[in-house]
Protein backbone atom coordinates (compact mmCIF):
# COMPACT_ATOMS: atom_id res chain seq x y z
CA MET A 1 0.19 -0.14 -0.02
CA GLN A 2 1.10 3.41 -0.93
CA THR A 3 0.22 6.53 1.08
CA THR A 4 1.09 9.84 1.59
CA ALA A 5 -0.96 12.68 3.32
CA ILE A 6 -3.81 14.14 1.84
CA THR A 7 -4.11 18.04 1.09
CA HIS A 8 -7.19 19.75 -0.07
CA ALA A 9 -9.08 18.26 -2.75
CA SER A 10 -7.78 21.35 -5.28
CA GLY A 11 -4.26 20.58 -4.38
CA SER A 12 -1.96 20.56 -7.03
CA PRO A 13 1.96 19.40 -7.47
CA THR A 14 4.37 22.17 -7.67
CA SER A 15 7.69 21.82 -9.83
CA ASN A 16 10.23 21.53 -7.08
CA VAL A 17 8.73 18.55 -5.10
CA ASP A 18 11.06 15.61 -5.65
CA LEU A 19 8.89 12.84 -6.14
CA THR A 20 11.24 9.97 -5.64
CA ALA A 21 12.54 11.39 -2.29
CA LEU A 22 8.54 11.62 -1.49
CA LYS A 23 8.13 7.97 -2.74
CA GLN A 24 11.17 6.83 -0.29
CA LYS A 25 9.40 8.74 2.66
CA GLN A 26 6.12 7.13 2.11
CA GLN A 27 7.62 3.52 2.00
CA VAL A 28 9.60 4.34 5.32
CA SER A 29 6.21 5.60 6.92
CA TRP A 30 4.10 2.55 5.69
CA SER A 31 6.69 0.26 6.87
CA SER A 32 6.77 1.92 10.46
CA GLY A 33 3.31 0.49 11.20
CA ASP A 34 1.48 -2.33 10.33
CA TYR A 35 -1.09 -1.87 7.47
CA ALA A 36 -2.40 -5.57 7.69
CA PHE A 37 -3.77 -5.16 11.13
CA ILE A 38 -6.44 -2.48 9.88
CA GLY A 39 -6.22 -3.83 6.43
CA THR A 40 -7.83 -6.97 7.08
CA THR A 41 -10.70 -4.87 8.57
CA LEU A 42 -11.40 -3.92 5.13
CA GLN A 43 -11.96 -7.14 3.32
CA ILE A 44 -15.63 -6.43 2.67
CA VAL A 45 -14.50 -4.11 -0.31
CA GLY A 46 -12.24 -6.12 -1.93
CA GLU A 47 -15.19 -8.77 -1.95
CA GLN A 48 -17.91 -5.97 -3.48
CA LEU A 49 -15.26 -4.31 -5.80
CA CYS A 50 -14.98 -7.96 -7.23
CA GLU A 51 -18.33 -8.29 -7.44
CA ALA A 52 -18.74 -4.93 -9.37
CA LEU A 53 -15.90 -6.11 -11.86
CA ASP A 54 -18.14 -9.04 -12.79
CA VAL A 55 -14.83 -10.99 -12.31
CA ARG A 56 -14.77 -14.36 -13.96
CA ALA A 57 -12.81 -17.58 -13.18
CA GLY A 58 -9.88 -17.67 -15.12
CA GLN A 59 -9.14 -14.18 -15.97
CA ARG A 60 -5.65 -12.58 -15.19
CA VAL A 61 -6.13 -10.14 -12.06
CA LEU A 62 -3.47 -7.71 -11.37
CA ASP A 63 -3.62 -6.25 -7.46
CA VAL A 64 -1.71 -2.83 -7.49
CA ALA A 65 -0.40 -1.41 -4.05
CA ALA A 66 -2.18 -4.52 -2.55
CA GLY A 67 -1.24 -3.74 1.20
CA ASN A 68 -1.99 -7.54 2.74
CA GLY A 69 -4.00 -8.40 -0.46
CA ASN A 70 -7.39 -7.84 0.20
CA VAL A 71 -8.76 -7.64 -3.51
CA SER A 72 -6.21 -10.90 -4.39
CA LEU A 73 -8.01 -12.83 -1.85
CA ALA A 74 -11.55 -11.87 -3.12
CA ALA A 75 -10.44 -12.57 -6.58
CA ALA A 76 -8.55 -15.69 -5.69
CA ARG A 77 -11.76 -17.28 -4.35
CA ARG A 78 -13.39 -16.29 -7.62
CA GLY A 79 -10.89 -18.56 -9.36
CA CYS A 80 -8.77 -15.70 -11.09
CA GLU A 81 -5.26 -15.97 -11.71
CA VAL A 82 -4.28 -13.37 -9.30
CA THR A 83 -0.64 -11.75 -9.14
CA SER A 84 -0.61 -9.38 -6.21
CA THR A 85 1.97 -6.40 -5.84
CA ASP A 86 3.29 -3.71 -3.14
CA TYR A 87 6.72 -1.82 -2.78
CA VAL A 88 6.20 -3.14 1.23
CA LEU A 89 7.53 -6.44 1.38
CA HIS A 90 6.15 -7.27 4.75
CA LEU A 91 2.52 -6.64 3.66
CA LEU A 92 3.38 -8.89 0.64
CA GLU A 93 4.38 -11.10 3.17
CA ARG A 94 1.36 -11.08 5.09
CA GLY A 95 -0.77 -11.63 1.95
CA ARG A 96 1.02 -14.50 1.23
CA GLN A 97 0.32 -16.05 4.76
CA ARG A 98 -3.45 -15.25 4.65
CA ALA A 99 -3.31 -16.97 0.90
CA VAL A 100 -1.52 -20.11 2.34
CA ALA A 101 -4.22 -20.08 5.18
CA GLU A 102 -6.95 -20.23 3.02
CA GLY A 103 -5.37 -22.85 0.15
CA LEU A 104 -5.29 -19.84 -2.37
CA ASP A 105 -2.89 -19.90 -5.37
CA ILE A 106 -1.86 -16.16 -5.61
CA ALA A 107 1.65 -14.72 -7.31
CA PHE A 108 3.31 -12.40 -4.87
CA ARG A 109 6.04 -9.48 -6.42
CA GLU A 110 7.39 -6.62 -5.27
CA ALA A 111 6.57 -3.89 -7.58
CA ASP A 112 6.15 0.04 -7.64
CA ALA A 113 2.66 1.25 -8.90
CA GLU A 114 4.01 3.77 -11.09
CA ALA A 115 6.85 1.48 -13.08
CA LEU A 116 4.64 -1.98 -12.91
CA PRO A 117 7.09 -4.49 -14.03
CA PHE A 118 4.93 -6.40 -16.43
CA ALA A 119 4.35 -6.17 -20.26
CA ASP A 120 1.74 -3.97 -21.90
CA ALA A 121 -1.86 -5.65 -21.84
CA SER A 122 -0.71 -8.73 -19.24
CA PHE A 123 -4.03 -8.71 -17.08
CA ASP A 124 -7.53 -9.02 -17.95
CA VAL A 125 -8.79 -7.13 -14.80
CA VAL A 126 -6.37 -4.42 -12.73
CA VAL A 127 -7.40 -3.84 -9.36
CA SER A 128 -6.48 -1.37 -6.58
CA THR A 129 -8.35 -0.98 -2.96
CA PHE A 130 -6.87 2.64 -1.15
CA GLY A 131 -3.74 1.86 -2.63
CA VAL A 132 -2.91 3.56 -5.80
CA MET A 133 -4.55 6.58 -5.21
CA PHE A 134 -1.81 7.53 -2.56
CA THR A 135 0.80 7.59 -5.59
CA PRO A 136 2.49 10.94 -6.13
CA ASP A 137 2.63 11.03 -9.42
CA GLN A 138 -1.02 10.21 -10.35
CA ASP A 139 -1.11 10.57 -14.22
CA LYS A 140 2.08 8.18 -14.48
CA ALA A 141 -0.21 5.40 -11.99
CA ALA A 142 -2.70 5.85 -13.61
CA ALA A 143 -0.93 5.14 -17.40
CA GLU A 144 0.41 2.12 -15.90
CA LEU A 145 -3.02 0.66 -14.81
CA VAL A 146 -4.06 1.46 -18.42
CA ARG A 147 -0.97 -0.21 -20.31
CA VAL A 148 -0.81 -3.43 -18.21
CA CYS A 149 -4.77 -4.15 -18.94
CA ALA A 150 -5.83 -5.43 -22.08
CA PRO A 151 -8.02 -3.76 -24.56
CA ARG A 152 -11.74 -3.95 -23.31
CA GLY A 153 -10.46 -5.08 -20.01
CA LYS A 154 -11.18 -3.63 -16.66
CA ILE A 155 -9.91 -1.47 -13.79
CA GLY A 156 -11.46 -1.33 -10.89
CA LEU A 157 -10.74 0.83 -7.77
CA ALA A 158 -11.92 1.74 -4.31
CA ASN A 159 -10.80 5.23 -3.28
CA TRP A 160 -11.79 7.47 0.01
CA THR A 161 -13.60 10.49 -1.00
CA PRO A 162 -12.53 13.86 0.27
CA THR A 163 -15.23 14.79 2.14
CA GLY A 164 -15.82 10.87 4.01
CA PHE A 165 -14.18 10.20 7.29
CA ILE A 166 -10.98 9.19 6.24
CA GLY A 167 -10.35 11.80 3.71
CA GLN A 168 -11.24 14.08 6.99
CA VAL A 169 -8.53 12.59 8.97
CA PHE A 170 -5.91 13.39 6.33
CA LYS A 171 -7.07 16.90 5.97
CA THR A 172 -6.81 17.35 9.94
CA ILE A 173 -3.49 15.99 10.25
CA GLY A 174 -2.66 18.15 7.70
CA LYS A 175 -3.77 20.91 9.82
CA HIS A 176 -0.85 20.14 12.28
CA LEU A 177 1.40 19.23 9.82
CA PRO A 178 2.03 20.80 6.17
CA PRO A 179 1.30 17.90 3.32
CA PRO A 180 3.41 17.37 0.64
CA ALA A 181 2.71 19.76 -2.41
CA VAL A 182 1.33 17.27 -4.80
CA LYS A 183 -2.03 16.95 -5.94
CA SER A 184 -4.39 15.32 -3.35
CA PRO A 185 -5.12 11.78 -3.35
CA ALA A 186 -8.50 12.24 -2.32
CA LEU A 187 -9.50 13.39 -5.80
CA TRP A 188 -9.19 9.57 -6.95
CA GLY A 189 -12.30 9.41 -4.92
CA THR A 190 -13.96 12.11 -7.42
CA ARG A 191 -15.50 11.01 -10.58
CA GLU A 192 -13.93 14.15 -12.06
CA ARG A 193 -10.74 13.12 -11.63
CA ILE A 194 -11.31 9.44 -12.53
CA ALA A 195 -12.60 10.80 -15.82
CA GLU A 196 -9.51 13.14 -16.30
CA LEU A 197 -7.05 10.59 -15.55
CA PHE A 198 -8.58 7.92 -17.92
CA GLU A 199 -10.22 9.76 -20.55
CA ARG A 200 -8.50 8.78 -23.44
CA ASP A 201 -8.94 5.27 -22.71
CA ILE A 202 -12.48 4.72 -21.32
CA ALA A 203 -14.79 2.59 -23.09
CA HIS A 204 -17.08 2.83 -20.13
CA LEU A 205 -17.11 4.52 -16.78
CA THR A 206 -19.07 3.58 -13.95
CA THR A 207 -18.62 5.51 -10.32
CA THR A 208 -20.85 4.21 -7.28
CA ALA A 209 -20.47 6.01 -3.74
CA ARG A 210 -20.25 3.20 -1.10
CA SER A 211 -19.46 3.52 2.48
CA PHE A 212 -17.17 1.18 4.98
CA ILE A 213 -18.12 1.12 8.39
CA PHE A 214 -15.49 1.71 11.27
CA ARG A 215 -16.39 -0.70 14.05
CA TYR A 216 -14.37 0.02 17.40
CA ARG A 217 -14.75 -0.40 20.89
CA SER A 218 -14.37 3.34 21.33
CA PRO A 219 -13.07 6.34 19.71
CA ALA A 220 -10.24 5.90 22.06
CA HIS A 221 -9.56 2.47 20.94
CA TRP A 222 -9.89 3.67 16.89
CA LEU A 223 -7.13 6.27 17.78
CA HIS A 224 -4.81 3.75 19.92
CA VAL A 225 -5.10 1.28 16.89
CA PHE A 226 -4.12 3.83 14.09
CA LYS A 227 -1.41 5.68 16.41
CA THR A 228 -0.30 2.02 16.43
CA TYR A 229 -0.21 0.30 13.45
CA TYR A 230 -1.09 3.20 10.51
CA GLY A 231 2.31 4.27 9.52
CA PRO A 232 1.24 7.59 8.03
CA VAL A 233 -1.19 8.40 11.53
CA LEU A 234 2.44 7.15 13.86
CA LYS A 235 4.82 9.23 11.86
CA ALA A 236 2.58 12.51 12.33
CA PHE A 237 2.13 11.89 15.92
CA ALA A 238 6.19 11.08 16.05
CA ALA A 239 6.66 13.95 14.28
CA LEU A 240 5.07 16.64 16.95
CA ASP A 241 5.86 17.52 20.49
CA VAL A 242 3.80 16.38 23.63
CA ASN A 243 1.34 19.50 23.29
CA ALA A 244 0.78 19.53 19.43
CA GLN A 245 0.41 15.55 19.99
CA THR A 246 -2.46 16.23 22.55
CA SER A 247 -4.29 19.15 20.21
CA LEU A 248 -3.82 16.25 17.04
CA GLU A 249 -5.55 13.78 19.50
CA ASN A 250 -8.53 16.27 20.63
CA ASP A 251 -9.05 16.99 16.82
CA LEU A 252 -9.24 13.33 15.70
CA ILE A 253 -11.58 12.78 18.81
CA ALA A 254 -14.07 15.61 18.00
CA LEU A 255 -13.97 14.63 14.39
CA ILE A 256 -14.81 11.12 15.26
CA ALA A 257 -18.03 12.41 17.28
CA ARG A 258 -18.81 14.46 14.17
CA PHE A 259 -19.48 10.96 12.39
CA ASN A 260 -19.99 8.62 15.29
CA ARG A 261 -23.65 7.12 14.74
CA SER A 262 -23.51 4.48 17.44
CA GLY A 263 -25.48 5.94 20.23
CA ASP A 264 -23.36 4.45 22.86
CA GLU A 265 -19.69 4.33 24.06
CA SER A 266 -18.81 2.23 20.97
CA MET A 267 -17.39 3.65 17.31
CA VAL A 268 -19.48 2.84 14.44
CA VAL A 269 -18.37 5.65 11.87
CA PRO A 270 -19.18 5.25 8.34
CA SER A 271 -16.15 6.68 5.63
CA ASP A 272 -17.37 7.52 2.26
CA TYR A 273 -15.63 5.77 -0.75
CA LEU A 274 -16.06 5.89 -4.50
CA GLU A 275 -16.26 2.42 -6.14
CA ILE A 276 -14.93 2.85 -9.92
CA VAL A 277 -15.02 0.20 -12.85
CA VAL A 278 -13.29 1.34 -16.01
CA THR A 279 -13.49 -0.48 -19.14
CA ARG A 280 -11.06 -0.19 -21.14
CA ALA A 281 -11.33 1.25 -24.73
């Protein structure tokens, strides 16, 4: 899974940003936590995306920025020939462990979403859930998804929206730590940006607004989990002094209160995401 801080939805890149250095910083950030602990809770998103794509047994499926393999597993359960990729090796290993436990045949390979090590038109379906949206060079990443997808094949994505809970989490962090001057990852959660990224290669585009529900024992429990396992949040807190950490923590708890619909001490927070199915021209 690739990640960087989210800027405002209108954010645009500046010419002096070193994207290579930013990507290296991302890898360090992501490796500092254990996304797999959180990623497994998102499995339903991978299952839903495979259904939206109407994947068929025997299809060649590539999962890009796969994390611990939610869509990879979902596609393999449906009889597809799956290749799962990420640039964080320990997340690939976690995905491999899950595949072994279920007796699923999945190929795992280290890969950068902006430079996929596969020939043109190698896959019938290319997918990513909350992964490729965080690449620093959005146009390059989108071009790679198209390049490795066969003509009339499908590209399926699940991306957090700017106004949903996770989009607002990163916006909140951005108030305490200036984000890098690159286009906002949250733009991938808008139909307009998706149409722009794939405009020359779309035969058909379907977008569906969906929500994932974060369910935790309490807001404090969610905060503990994300500070411990979610690399970007962990690193954000580590970069602040004690007083600033307390301020960020208070802002995140207030944000949860805005979204929480549990009605009790637990946390039941919907987070909007955009489900995208692109049929290649």
